Amino acid sequence: MIEARDIGAVLGGTQILHRVDFTACPGEMTVIVGPNGSGKTTLLRRLTDDLVGPGAVTLDAAPVAAMPPRLLALRRAVLQQAVQVGFPFTLREVVRMGLEAGHSAHVPAVVDAAIAEVGLSAKADHFLHDLSGGEQARGHLARARAQIWQPVTQGRACWLFVDEPVAALDIGHQILVMEVLRRFADAGGGVVAVMHDLNLTAMHADRVVLMSEGRVLAEGPPAGVLTDDRLSAAYRSRIRINTAPAQGPWLLPQMAGRG
């Protein structure tokens, strides 16, 4: 379990997070949503110990800040919004970098499987910088998956932290990526994702954390968080929620002065 208690963050002299509590459980996909500047990425950075600040973050009751980097690398992988690779590595080489922390006996098989999972087997030996933006994004997801290939290791859940994993993707590949994350959670791992697409969130998330101005506005199952009133307040727009029987809430933005 990932837990954060009373955490905060200050960037450039501005308070970005205000005493936030957060919990994510193995076997679930927890999705953090909210408008631009609401603190979603900053919260993810605090959870992954990429940013220091007040409050405590624990992984299975152990303080994350005190864990050796190698141990953390075996328990969780982090996929940031934008990853720059400044050297001419092939996709296969980049994905293999995710396995430097372990799995040495199974490197080739894991690399191939991770690349296949994101639908890029035909591009495995292409230079990463020759791939499209969406292909590069999927390639970096493959790297994170290779790092944490088994959702559960030695009886303990492993974790994927992903920041806007579908932002650069067409609808078909958005679905593919969400299914990759969903399978990882269903197999016992934990997923914490920052998302802007509320419809995909409603379809795939077990739990939603809605943020506004550095605070948690609401949290819980999608149907309880993604409501007209809460989303309209958070996004300062008129938003209407419909219900699709198979998927749950379905978002319908309203033009100002209409509907």
Foldseek 3Di string as FASTA:
>chain_A
DKWWFQWWDADPNRTQAGGETDDFFFLFEEEEEFDPSLCQVVVLCVQQVVGDTDTFIDDVNHTNVPDDPLVLLLFEFEAEPDDDDPDFDFLLVLLLVLCPSHPVVCSVVLSCVLCVLLPRNVRRGPGLVVDDPLSNLSSVVSSRCSSHVQQADPRGGGEYEYEASCPPHDPVSVVSVLVVVQVSRNNGHYYYYYHHPLQSCLQRGQKYFYGARNYTPDMGGSQVQPAQVNRCVRVVFRWHWDQDPNRGTDIDTDDPPGD
